[in-house]
N, C-alpha and C. Protein backbone atom coordinates (compact mmCIF):
# COMPACT_ATOMS: atom_id res chain seq x y z
N MET A 1 137.56 137.76 38.38
CA MET A 1 136.65 137.37 37.30
C MET A 1 136.92 138.21 36.06
N GLN A 2 137.19 137.54 34.97
CA GLN A 2 137.44 138.26 33.74
C GLN A 2 136.14 138.48 32.97
N ASN A 3 136.07 139.62 32.32
CA ASN A 3 134.91 139.91 31.48
C ASN A 3 135.35 139.91 30.02
N PHE A 4 134.50 139.38 29.17
CA PHE A 4 134.81 139.32 27.75
C PHE A 4 133.69 139.98 26.96
N ALA A 5 134.08 140.71 25.96
CA ALA A 5 133.10 141.49 25.19
C ALA A 5 132.05 140.57 24.57
N ALA A 6 130.78 140.85 24.92
CA ALA A 6 129.69 140.02 24.40
C ALA A 6 129.52 140.21 22.90
N SER A 7 129.94 141.37 22.38
CA SER A 7 129.76 141.67 20.96
C SER A 7 130.81 140.99 20.07
N LYS A 8 131.89 140.51 20.70
CA LYS A 8 132.99 139.89 19.94
C LYS A 8 132.83 138.39 19.90
N LYS A 9 133.05 137.80 18.75
CA LYS A 9 133.07 136.36 18.61
C LYS A 9 134.53 135.90 18.54
N TYR A 10 134.94 135.11 19.50
CA TYR A 10 136.32 134.65 19.57
C TYR A 10 136.50 133.37 18.76
N THR A 11 137.66 133.24 18.14
CA THR A 11 138.00 131.99 17.46
C THR A 11 138.53 131.00 18.51
N LEU A 12 138.60 129.73 18.14
CA LEU A 12 139.16 128.74 19.04
C LEU A 12 140.62 129.03 19.35
N GLU A 13 141.36 129.53 18.38
CA GLU A 13 142.76 129.86 18.61
C GLU A 13 142.89 131.02 19.60
N GLU A 14 142.04 132.04 19.47
CA GLU A 14 142.06 133.16 20.41
C GLU A 14 141.71 132.69 21.82
N TYR A 15 140.74 131.80 21.89
CA TYR A 15 140.35 131.24 23.19
C TYR A 15 141.52 130.49 23.83
N ALA A 16 142.22 129.67 23.06
CA ALA A 16 143.36 128.91 23.59
C ALA A 16 144.43 129.85 24.13
N GLU A 17 144.69 130.95 23.44
CA GLU A 17 145.70 131.90 23.91
C GLU A 17 145.26 132.54 25.22
N LEU A 18 143.98 132.86 25.35
CA LEU A 18 143.48 133.43 26.60
C LEU A 18 143.61 132.42 27.73
N GLU A 19 143.30 131.16 27.46
CA GLU A 19 143.40 130.11 28.47
C GLU A 19 144.84 129.97 28.98
N LYS A 20 145.78 130.00 28.07
CA LYS A 20 147.18 129.81 28.45
C LYS A 20 147.66 130.92 29.38
N ASN A 21 147.10 132.10 29.26
CA ASN A 21 147.57 133.26 30.03
C ASN A 21 146.62 133.66 31.15
N SER A 22 145.63 132.82 31.43
CA SER A 22 144.65 133.15 32.46
C SER A 22 144.89 132.35 33.73
N GLU A 23 144.70 132.98 34.88
CA GLU A 23 144.78 132.27 36.15
C GLU A 23 143.46 131.58 36.48
N GLU A 24 142.42 131.90 35.72
CA GLU A 24 141.11 131.28 35.91
C GLU A 24 140.85 130.25 34.82
N ARG A 25 139.94 129.33 35.09
CA ARG A 25 139.50 128.41 34.06
C ARG A 25 138.46 129.11 33.20
N LEU A 26 138.65 129.03 31.89
CA LEU A 26 137.74 129.67 30.96
C LEU A 26 137.02 128.61 30.14
N GLU A 27 135.76 128.83 29.87
CA GLU A 27 135.03 127.93 28.98
C GLU A 27 134.55 128.69 27.75
N TYR A 28 134.31 127.93 26.70
CA TYR A 28 134.03 128.52 25.39
C TYR A 28 132.88 127.78 24.74
N PHE A 29 132.03 128.54 24.05
CA PHE A 29 131.02 127.92 23.19
C PHE A 29 130.53 128.93 22.17
N ASP A 30 130.56 128.52 20.91
CA ASP A 30 130.01 129.32 19.82
C ASP A 30 130.57 130.75 19.81
N GLY A 31 131.88 130.89 20.03
CA GLY A 31 132.51 132.19 19.97
C GLY A 31 132.48 132.99 21.25
N ASN A 32 131.79 132.50 22.27
CA ASN A 32 131.68 133.21 23.54
C ASN A 32 132.59 132.58 24.59
N ILE A 33 133.14 133.41 25.45
CA ILE A 33 134.04 132.96 26.50
C ILE A 33 133.55 133.49 27.85
N TRP A 34 133.63 132.62 28.85
CA TRP A 34 133.28 133.06 30.20
C TRP A 34 134.20 132.36 31.19
N SER A 35 134.41 133.01 32.34
CA SER A 35 135.25 132.43 33.38
C SER A 35 134.40 131.64 34.35
N MET A 36 134.97 130.56 34.88
CA MET A 36 134.25 129.70 35.80
C MET A 36 134.19 130.35 37.18
N ALA A 37 133.02 130.33 37.77
CA ALA A 37 132.83 130.96 39.08
C ALA A 37 133.53 130.15 40.17
N GLY A 38 133.88 130.82 41.28
CA GLY A 38 134.47 130.13 42.42
C GLY A 38 133.47 129.18 43.07
N ALA A 39 133.99 128.18 43.76
CA ALA A 39 133.14 127.15 44.35
C ALA A 39 132.87 127.42 45.83
N SER A 40 131.76 126.88 46.32
CA SER A 40 131.39 127.02 47.73
C SER A 40 132.18 126.03 48.59
N PRO A 41 132.24 126.24 49.91
CA PRO A 41 132.90 125.27 50.79
C PRO A 41 132.29 123.87 50.68
N ASN A 42 130.96 123.77 50.58
CA ASN A 42 130.33 122.46 50.43
C ASN A 42 130.79 121.77 49.15
N HIS A 43 130.84 122.55 48.08
CA HIS A 43 131.27 122.01 46.79
C HIS A 43 132.68 121.43 46.90
N GLU A 44 133.58 122.19 47.49
CA GLU A 44 134.97 121.74 47.60
C GLU A 44 135.11 120.54 48.52
N SER A 45 134.32 120.49 49.59
CA SER A 45 134.36 119.34 50.50
C SER A 45 133.92 118.07 49.79
N ILE A 46 132.84 118.18 49.01
CA ILE A 46 132.33 117.01 48.29
C ILE A 46 133.35 116.52 47.27
N VAL A 47 133.94 117.44 46.52
CA VAL A 47 134.92 117.06 45.50
C VAL A 47 136.13 116.38 46.13
N SER A 48 136.66 116.96 47.21
CA SER A 48 137.84 116.37 47.85
C SER A 48 137.49 115.02 48.47
N ASN A 49 136.30 114.90 49.07
CA ASN A 49 135.86 113.61 49.62
C ASN A 49 135.77 112.56 48.53
N LEU A 50 135.16 112.93 47.40
CA LEU A 50 134.96 111.98 46.32
C LEU A 50 136.28 111.51 45.72
N ILE A 51 137.19 112.43 45.49
CA ILE A 51 138.49 112.05 44.93
C ILE A 51 139.21 111.06 45.85
N TYR A 52 139.14 111.33 47.16
CA TYR A 52 139.77 110.41 48.12
C TYR A 52 139.11 109.04 48.07
N ILE A 53 137.77 109.01 48.05
CA ILE A 53 137.04 107.74 48.02
C ILE A 53 137.37 106.95 46.76
N LEU A 54 137.38 107.63 45.62
CA LEU A 54 137.64 106.94 44.36
C LEU A 54 139.07 106.42 44.28
N LYS A 55 140.03 107.22 44.74
CA LYS A 55 141.42 106.77 44.71
C LYS A 55 141.63 105.60 45.66
N SER A 56 141.01 105.66 46.83
CA SER A 56 141.13 104.56 47.79
C SER A 56 140.46 103.30 47.27
N GLY A 57 139.27 103.48 46.66
CA GLY A 57 138.49 102.33 46.22
C GLY A 57 139.02 101.67 44.97
N THR A 58 139.89 102.35 44.23
CA THR A 58 140.43 101.77 42.99
C THR A 58 141.93 101.50 43.09
N ARG A 59 142.46 101.58 44.29
CA ARG A 59 143.90 101.35 44.45
C ARG A 59 144.27 99.96 43.96
N GLY A 60 145.30 99.88 43.16
CA GLY A 60 145.74 98.61 42.61
C GLY A 60 145.09 98.25 41.29
N LYS A 61 144.15 99.07 40.82
CA LYS A 61 143.44 98.78 39.56
C LYS A 61 143.94 99.63 38.39
N LYS A 62 144.98 100.42 38.62
CA LYS A 62 145.53 101.28 37.59
C LYS A 62 144.51 102.30 37.06
N CYS A 63 143.60 102.69 37.94
CA CYS A 63 142.61 103.71 37.57
C CYS A 63 143.21 105.10 37.80
N ARG A 64 142.63 106.08 37.14
CA ARG A 64 143.05 107.46 37.30
C ARG A 64 141.86 108.32 37.64
N VAL A 65 142.04 109.21 38.63
CA VAL A 65 140.99 110.11 39.08
C VAL A 65 141.51 111.54 38.95
N TYR A 66 140.75 112.40 38.26
CA TYR A 66 141.19 113.76 37.99
C TYR A 66 140.22 114.78 38.59
N GLY A 67 140.77 115.92 39.00
CA GLY A 67 139.97 117.00 39.54
C GLY A 67 139.48 117.96 38.47
N SER A 68 139.04 119.12 38.91
CA SER A 68 138.32 120.04 38.03
C SER A 68 139.21 120.84 37.08
N ASN A 69 140.52 120.69 37.18
CA ASN A 69 141.40 121.44 36.27
C ASN A 69 141.73 120.69 34.99
N LEU A 70 141.26 119.44 34.87
CA LEU A 70 141.55 118.68 33.66
C LEU A 70 140.49 118.95 32.59
N ARG A 71 140.94 119.20 31.39
CA ARG A 71 140.03 119.46 30.27
C ARG A 71 139.54 118.14 29.68
N ILE A 72 138.25 118.05 29.45
CA ILE A 72 137.64 116.87 28.82
C ILE A 72 137.09 117.29 27.46
N LYS A 73 137.56 116.64 26.40
CA LYS A 73 137.05 116.97 25.08
C LYS A 73 135.62 116.49 24.94
N VAL A 74 134.74 117.40 24.47
CA VAL A 74 133.33 117.06 24.25
C VAL A 74 133.04 117.34 22.77
N PRO A 75 132.95 116.30 21.94
CA PRO A 75 132.87 116.48 20.49
C PRO A 75 131.78 117.43 20.01
N VAL A 76 130.59 117.38 20.62
CA VAL A 76 129.51 118.24 20.14
C VAL A 76 129.40 119.54 20.93
N TYR A 77 130.34 119.79 21.83
CA TYR A 77 130.33 121.02 22.63
C TYR A 77 131.77 121.51 22.72
N GLU A 78 132.32 121.85 21.56
CA GLU A 78 133.75 122.15 21.45
C GLU A 78 134.18 123.37 22.24
N PRO A 79 135.47 123.37 22.61
CA PRO A 79 136.43 122.28 22.42
C PRO A 79 136.48 121.32 23.60
N TYR A 80 136.21 121.84 24.84
CA TYR A 80 136.30 120.97 26.01
C TYR A 80 135.53 121.60 27.16
N ARG A 81 135.31 120.79 28.21
CA ARG A 81 134.66 121.25 29.44
C ARG A 81 135.56 120.92 30.62
N TYR A 82 135.20 121.49 31.77
CA TYR A 82 135.90 121.23 33.02
C TYR A 82 134.94 120.58 34.02
N PRO A 83 134.72 119.27 33.98
CA PRO A 83 133.86 118.65 34.98
C PRO A 83 134.52 118.71 36.35
N ASP A 84 133.73 118.54 37.40
CA ASP A 84 134.30 118.61 38.75
C ASP A 84 135.24 117.45 39.03
N VAL A 85 134.89 116.27 38.56
CA VAL A 85 135.74 115.08 38.72
C VAL A 85 135.54 114.21 37.47
N SER A 86 136.59 113.55 37.05
CA SER A 86 136.50 112.56 35.97
C SER A 86 137.43 111.41 36.32
N ALA A 87 137.14 110.22 35.77
CA ALA A 87 137.96 109.06 36.09
C ALA A 87 137.85 108.01 35.00
N LEU A 88 138.82 107.11 34.98
CA LEU A 88 138.81 105.99 34.05
C LEU A 88 139.75 104.92 34.57
N CYS A 89 139.54 103.67 34.11
CA CYS A 89 140.39 102.55 34.53
C CYS A 89 141.07 101.91 33.33
N GLU A 90 141.48 102.73 32.41
CA GLU A 90 142.26 102.27 31.26
C GLU A 90 143.29 103.35 30.94
N GLU A 91 144.11 103.11 29.96
CA GLU A 91 145.15 104.09 29.62
C GLU A 91 144.50 105.38 29.12
N PRO A 92 144.81 106.53 29.72
CA PRO A 92 144.22 107.78 29.26
C PRO A 92 144.73 108.18 27.89
N VAL A 93 143.85 108.75 27.10
CA VAL A 93 144.21 109.23 25.76
C VAL A 93 144.01 110.74 25.72
N PHE A 94 145.04 111.46 25.30
CA PHE A 94 144.96 112.91 25.27
C PHE A 94 145.11 113.42 23.83
N GLU A 95 144.56 114.59 23.61
CA GLU A 95 144.67 115.26 22.32
C GLU A 95 145.15 116.69 22.55
N ASP A 96 146.00 117.16 21.67
CA ASP A 96 146.53 118.51 21.79
C ASP A 96 145.55 119.52 21.17
N PHE A 97 145.32 120.60 21.89
CA PHE A 97 144.49 121.69 21.39
C PHE A 97 145.27 122.99 21.55
N TYR A 98 145.96 123.41 20.49
CA TYR A 98 146.78 124.62 20.51
C TYR A 98 147.72 124.63 21.72
N GLY A 99 148.32 123.50 22.01
CA GLY A 99 149.26 123.41 23.13
C GLY A 99 148.63 123.05 24.46
N LEU A 100 147.31 122.88 24.51
CA LEU A 100 146.61 122.48 25.72
C LEU A 100 146.19 121.01 25.59
N GLN A 101 146.21 120.27 26.69
CA GLN A 101 145.90 118.85 26.67
C GLN A 101 144.44 118.59 27.07
N MET A 102 143.76 117.77 26.26
CA MET A 102 142.38 117.39 26.54
C MET A 102 142.30 115.87 26.67
N LEU A 103 141.60 115.40 27.70
CA LEU A 103 141.37 113.96 27.86
C LEU A 103 140.22 113.53 26.95
N LEU A 104 140.41 112.43 26.23
CA LEU A 104 139.41 111.97 25.28
C LEU A 104 138.52 110.86 25.80
N ASN A 105 138.97 110.11 26.81
CA ASN A 105 138.26 108.87 27.15
C ASN A 105 137.88 108.70 28.62
N PRO A 106 137.27 109.69 29.26
CA PRO A 106 136.79 109.46 30.62
C PRO A 106 135.60 108.49 30.61
N SER A 107 135.56 107.56 31.55
CA SER A 107 134.39 106.68 31.65
C SER A 107 133.39 107.21 32.67
N LEU A 108 133.90 107.92 33.68
CA LEU A 108 133.05 108.55 34.71
C LEU A 108 133.23 110.05 34.67
N ILE A 109 132.11 110.78 34.69
CA ILE A 109 132.12 112.24 34.80
C ILE A 109 131.21 112.62 35.96
N VAL A 110 131.70 113.55 36.77
CA VAL A 110 130.96 113.97 37.97
C VAL A 110 130.76 115.47 37.97
N GLU A 111 129.56 115.89 38.31
CA GLU A 111 129.26 117.31 38.51
C GLU A 111 128.60 117.49 39.87
N VAL A 112 129.08 118.47 40.64
CA VAL A 112 128.43 118.85 41.89
C VAL A 112 127.46 119.97 41.57
N LEU A 113 126.20 119.77 41.89
CA LEU A 113 125.15 120.68 41.46
C LEU A 113 125.09 121.95 42.32
N SER A 114 124.80 123.06 41.67
CA SER A 114 124.52 124.32 42.36
C SER A 114 123.24 124.89 41.78
N ASP A 115 122.68 125.88 42.44
CA ASP A 115 121.43 126.48 41.95
C ASP A 115 121.59 127.05 40.54
N SER A 116 122.78 127.59 40.24
CA SER A 116 122.97 128.25 38.95
C SER A 116 123.24 127.27 37.81
N THR A 117 123.75 126.07 38.13
CA THR A 117 124.12 125.12 37.07
C THR A 117 123.26 123.87 37.01
N LYS A 118 122.38 123.67 38.00
CA LYS A 118 121.65 122.42 38.13
C LYS A 118 120.88 122.03 36.87
N THR A 119 120.11 122.93 36.34
CA THR A 119 119.28 122.61 35.17
C THR A 119 120.16 122.25 33.97
N PHE A 120 121.22 123.01 33.75
CA PHE A 120 122.11 122.75 32.63
C PHE A 120 122.82 121.41 32.79
N ASP A 121 123.33 121.12 34.00
CA ASP A 121 124.06 119.88 34.24
C ASP A 121 123.16 118.66 34.07
N LEU A 122 121.89 118.78 34.47
CA LEU A 122 120.96 117.66 34.40
C LEU A 122 120.44 117.41 32.99
N ASN A 123 120.47 118.40 32.16
CA ASN A 123 119.82 118.28 30.85
C ASN A 123 120.82 118.43 29.70
N ASP A 124 121.04 119.66 29.24
CA ASP A 124 121.87 119.87 28.05
C ASP A 124 123.29 119.33 28.20
N LYS A 125 123.90 119.56 29.35
CA LYS A 125 125.29 119.14 29.52
C LYS A 125 125.41 117.61 29.46
N PHE A 126 124.45 116.92 30.03
CA PHE A 126 124.43 115.47 29.97
C PHE A 126 124.34 115.01 28.51
N THR A 127 123.48 115.66 27.74
CA THR A 127 123.35 115.33 26.33
C THR A 127 124.67 115.53 25.59
N TYR A 128 125.37 116.63 25.88
CA TYR A 128 126.65 116.89 25.24
C TYR A 128 127.69 115.83 25.64
N TYR A 129 127.74 115.49 26.91
CA TYR A 129 128.71 114.50 27.37
C TYR A 129 128.50 113.14 26.69
N LYS A 130 127.29 112.84 26.31
CA LYS A 130 127.01 111.56 25.66
C LYS A 130 127.74 111.40 24.33
N SER A 131 128.25 112.48 23.77
CA SER A 131 129.00 112.38 22.51
C SER A 131 130.42 111.86 22.74
N ILE A 132 130.83 111.68 24.00
CA ILE A 132 132.13 111.10 24.33
C ILE A 132 131.99 109.58 24.28
N GLU A 133 132.70 108.94 23.39
CA GLU A 133 132.51 107.51 23.15
C GLU A 133 132.76 106.66 24.39
N ALA A 134 133.75 107.01 25.20
CA ALA A 134 134.11 106.19 26.36
C ALA A 134 133.24 106.46 27.58
N PHE A 135 132.42 107.48 27.53
CA PHE A 135 131.60 107.92 28.67
C PHE A 135 130.56 106.85 29.04
N LYS A 136 130.62 106.38 30.31
CA LYS A 136 129.74 105.30 30.75
C LYS A 136 128.86 105.65 31.95
N GLU A 137 129.35 106.57 32.81
CA GLU A 137 128.56 106.89 34.01
C GLU A 137 128.64 108.39 34.30
N TYR A 138 127.49 108.90 34.75
CA TYR A 138 127.36 110.33 35.07
C TYR A 138 126.83 110.44 36.49
N LEU A 139 127.62 111.03 37.37
CA LEU A 139 127.26 111.17 38.77
C LEU A 139 127.00 112.64 39.07
N LEU A 140 125.81 112.93 39.59
CA LEU A 140 125.42 114.30 39.92
C LEU A 140 125.13 114.38 41.42
N ILE A 141 125.78 115.32 42.09
CA ILE A 141 125.73 115.38 43.55
C ILE A 141 125.19 116.73 44.01
N ASP A 142 124.10 116.70 44.76
CA ASP A 142 123.55 117.93 45.33
C ASP A 142 124.42 118.34 46.51
N GLN A 143 124.72 119.61 46.61
CA GLN A 143 125.60 120.06 47.70
C GLN A 143 124.85 120.58 48.92
N ASP A 144 123.54 120.67 48.85
CA ASP A 144 122.75 121.24 49.94
C ASP A 144 121.94 120.23 50.73
N ARG A 145 121.85 118.99 50.24
CA ARG A 145 121.12 117.93 50.92
C ARG A 145 121.62 116.59 50.41
N PRO A 146 121.40 115.51 51.16
CA PRO A 146 121.83 114.20 50.67
C PRO A 146 120.98 113.78 49.47
N HIS A 147 121.52 113.97 48.30
CA HIS A 147 120.80 113.63 47.07
C HIS A 147 121.80 113.44 45.95
N VAL A 148 121.89 112.20 45.46
CA VAL A 148 122.84 111.86 44.41
C VAL A 148 122.11 111.13 43.30
N ILE A 149 122.39 111.51 42.07
CA ILE A 149 121.81 110.85 40.90
C ILE A 149 122.93 110.17 40.13
N LEU A 150 122.70 108.93 39.74
CA LEU A 150 123.67 108.20 38.95
C LEU A 150 123.01 107.68 37.68
N TYR A 151 123.60 108.05 36.54
CA TYR A 151 123.18 107.51 35.25
C TYR A 151 124.25 106.54 34.77
N THR A 152 123.83 105.33 34.43
CA THR A 152 124.74 104.30 33.94
C THR A 152 124.31 103.87 32.54
N LYS A 153 125.24 103.91 31.60
CA LYS A 153 124.91 103.59 30.22
C LYS A 153 124.66 102.10 30.04
N ARG A 154 123.52 101.78 29.42
CA ARG A 154 123.18 100.40 29.07
C ARG A 154 123.43 100.12 27.60
N ASP A 155 123.03 101.05 26.75
CA ASP A 155 123.36 101.00 25.33
C ASP A 155 123.25 102.42 24.78
N GLU A 156 123.33 102.59 23.49
CA GLU A 156 123.36 103.93 22.89
C GLU A 156 122.12 104.75 23.19
N LYS A 157 121.00 104.10 23.46
CA LYS A 157 119.74 104.80 23.68
C LYS A 157 119.26 104.76 25.13
N VAL A 158 119.83 103.89 25.95
CA VAL A 158 119.29 103.65 27.29
C VAL A 158 120.34 103.91 28.36
N TRP A 159 119.96 104.75 29.35
CA TRP A 159 120.77 105.00 30.53
C TRP A 159 119.94 104.67 31.76
N LEU A 160 120.49 103.84 32.64
CA LEU A 160 119.81 103.51 33.90
C LEU A 160 119.91 104.69 34.86
N HIS A 161 118.78 105.05 35.45
CA HIS A 161 118.71 106.18 36.38
C HIS A 161 118.52 105.66 37.80
N GLN A 162 119.40 106.08 38.72
CA GLN A 162 119.27 105.71 40.14
C GLN A 162 119.41 106.97 40.99
N GLU A 163 118.69 106.99 42.13
CA GLU A 163 118.80 108.11 43.06
C GLU A 163 119.09 107.59 44.46
N PHE A 164 119.88 108.37 45.19
CA PHE A 164 120.28 108.03 46.55
C PHE A 164 120.01 109.25 47.43
N ASN A 165 119.17 109.07 48.46
CA ASN A 165 118.67 110.22 49.21
C ASN A 165 118.90 110.14 50.71
N THR A 166 119.63 109.12 51.17
CA THR A 166 119.92 109.00 52.60
C THR A 166 121.41 108.70 52.79
N LEU A 167 121.92 109.07 53.96
CA LEU A 167 123.34 108.93 54.22
C LEU A 167 123.78 107.48 54.43
N ASP A 168 122.82 106.58 54.67
CA ASP A 168 123.20 105.19 54.93
C ASP A 168 123.26 104.33 53.67
N GLU A 169 123.16 104.94 52.50
CA GLU A 169 123.18 104.20 51.25
C GLU A 169 124.61 104.09 50.69
N THR A 170 124.75 103.14 49.78
CA THR A 170 126.03 102.93 49.09
C THR A 170 125.80 102.96 47.58
N ILE A 171 126.67 103.65 46.87
CA ILE A 171 126.58 103.78 45.41
C ILE A 171 127.65 102.89 44.78
N TYR A 172 127.25 102.08 43.81
CA TYR A 172 128.22 101.25 43.11
C TYR A 172 128.45 101.79 41.71
N LEU A 173 129.72 102.05 41.38
CA LEU A 173 130.09 102.55 40.06
C LEU A 173 130.63 101.38 39.24
N THR A 174 129.91 101.01 38.22
CA THR A 174 130.35 99.88 37.39
C THR A 174 131.58 100.25 36.56
N SER A 175 131.71 101.50 36.18
CA SER A 175 132.83 101.90 35.32
C SER A 175 134.17 101.78 36.03
N LEU A 176 134.17 101.88 37.37
CA LEU A 176 135.40 101.79 38.14
C LEU A 176 135.44 100.58 39.05
N ASP A 177 134.33 99.82 39.10
CA ASP A 177 134.20 98.71 40.04
C ASP A 177 134.52 99.19 41.45
N CYS A 178 133.76 100.20 41.88
CA CYS A 178 134.08 100.91 43.12
C CYS A 178 132.78 101.32 43.82
N GLU A 179 132.79 101.27 45.16
CA GLU A 179 131.64 101.69 45.94
C GLU A 179 131.89 103.03 46.61
N ILE A 180 130.82 103.81 46.74
CA ILE A 180 130.88 105.11 47.42
C ILE A 180 129.87 105.12 48.55
N SER A 181 130.31 105.38 49.75
CA SER A 181 129.41 105.58 50.88
C SER A 181 128.87 107.01 50.81
N VAL A 182 127.55 107.15 50.82
CA VAL A 182 126.97 108.50 50.75
C VAL A 182 127.37 109.30 51.98
N ALA A 183 127.45 108.65 53.14
CA ALA A 183 127.86 109.35 54.36
C ALA A 183 129.28 109.90 54.23
N GLU A 184 130.19 109.10 53.66
CA GLU A 184 131.57 109.57 53.48
C GLU A 184 131.65 110.66 52.42
N LEU A 185 130.81 110.55 51.41
CA LEU A 185 130.77 111.57 50.36
C LEU A 185 130.42 112.94 50.93
N TYR A 186 129.51 112.96 51.92
CA TYR A 186 129.05 114.22 52.50
C TYR A 186 129.74 114.56 53.83
N GLU A 187 130.85 113.93 54.11
CA GLU A 187 131.57 114.23 55.35
C GLU A 187 131.98 115.71 55.39
N ASN A 188 131.71 116.37 56.52
CA ASN A 188 132.04 117.78 56.75
C ASN A 188 131.25 118.74 55.85
N VAL A 189 130.14 118.27 55.30
CA VAL A 189 129.27 119.14 54.50
C VAL A 189 128.11 119.62 55.37
N GLU A 190 127.84 120.91 55.37
CA GLU A 190 126.75 121.48 56.16
C GLU A 190 125.54 121.70 55.26
N PHE A 191 124.48 120.99 55.55
CA PHE A 191 123.28 121.07 54.73
C PHE A 191 122.44 122.29 55.11
N LYS A 192 121.73 122.79 54.12
CA LYS A 192 120.79 123.88 54.38
C LYS A 192 119.63 123.39 55.21
N ARG A 193 119.19 124.19 56.16
CA ARG A 193 118.02 123.83 56.96
C ARG A 193 116.77 124.22 56.19
N THR A 194 115.86 123.28 56.07
CA THR A 194 114.63 123.55 55.35
C THR A 194 113.44 123.43 56.29
N GLU A 195 112.50 124.34 56.15
CA GLU A 195 111.30 124.33 56.98
C GLU A 195 110.24 123.43 56.34
N PRO A 196 109.46 122.71 57.17
CA PRO A 196 108.38 121.90 56.60
C PRO A 196 107.32 122.79 55.98
N PRO A 197 106.56 122.29 55.01
CA PRO A 197 105.53 123.11 54.37
C PRO A 197 104.46 123.53 55.36
N ARG A 198 103.96 124.76 55.21
CA ARG A 198 102.90 125.27 56.07
C ARG A 198 101.56 125.17 55.34
N PHE A 199 100.58 124.64 56.01
CA PHE A 199 99.26 124.49 55.40
C PHE A 199 98.35 125.62 55.88
N PRO A 200 97.45 126.06 55.04
CA PRO A 200 96.55 127.16 55.41
C PRO A 200 95.37 126.71 56.26
N PHE A 201 95.46 125.49 56.82
CA PHE A 201 94.36 125.01 57.65
C PHE A 201 94.90 124.02 58.66
N ASP A 202 94.09 123.74 59.67
CA ASP A 202 94.44 122.79 60.71
C ASP A 202 94.08 121.40 60.24
N LEU A 203 95.08 120.56 60.01
CA LEU A 203 94.82 119.24 59.47
C LEU A 203 93.99 118.38 60.41
N GLU A 204 94.17 118.55 61.72
CA GLU A 204 93.41 117.71 62.66
C GLU A 204 91.91 117.98 62.61
N ASN A 205 91.56 119.21 62.26
CA ASN A 205 90.14 119.56 62.21
C ASN A 205 89.58 119.55 60.80
N TYR A 206 90.44 119.18 59.84
CA TYR A 206 90.01 119.20 58.46
C TYR A 206 89.15 117.99 58.15
N ARG A 207 88.02 118.16 57.54
CA ARG A 207 87.10 117.07 57.15
C ARG A 207 86.91 117.11 55.65
């Protein structure tokens, strides 16, 4: 894990040079740089499962599915982000950023949620991603229980919200014309055991 001086404001050019020479993925915003934390086994299982499902489900459609090392340009959150998975079914368009390549037109963006990133991914990050013109669907996957949220763009102001909370459900992605089995998505994922709520009284005798 690299540490960067909090008192220093880095330029975009300085950030690009650090990225080129770093073994870690670095993100940047407003002059600040931080390294991306390592992922949990559940996180990696979900990502690998999803990439396999998407590639299998779009075979023959000339779609492209990318993992977490691809940079996605986010116009209002410069210069780019590293989503867990991104995909599109048209010719990819890239832009050069000081010798680094950024994808401009993902239609699907996926984030696997963790306790540390959940609030940001669900709120501010989603708002930033909306500045990508080609962006049509946002898939958010909980790694500790069967829980998936899908946002599908209807128009500039309206996004359809759907939730999937059981393993026997199927998710349909309109941007890729592809289905995802929730059970297959969570294959080999170990969920956290949760205890039922405890009440301070005996419900059977409660009047």
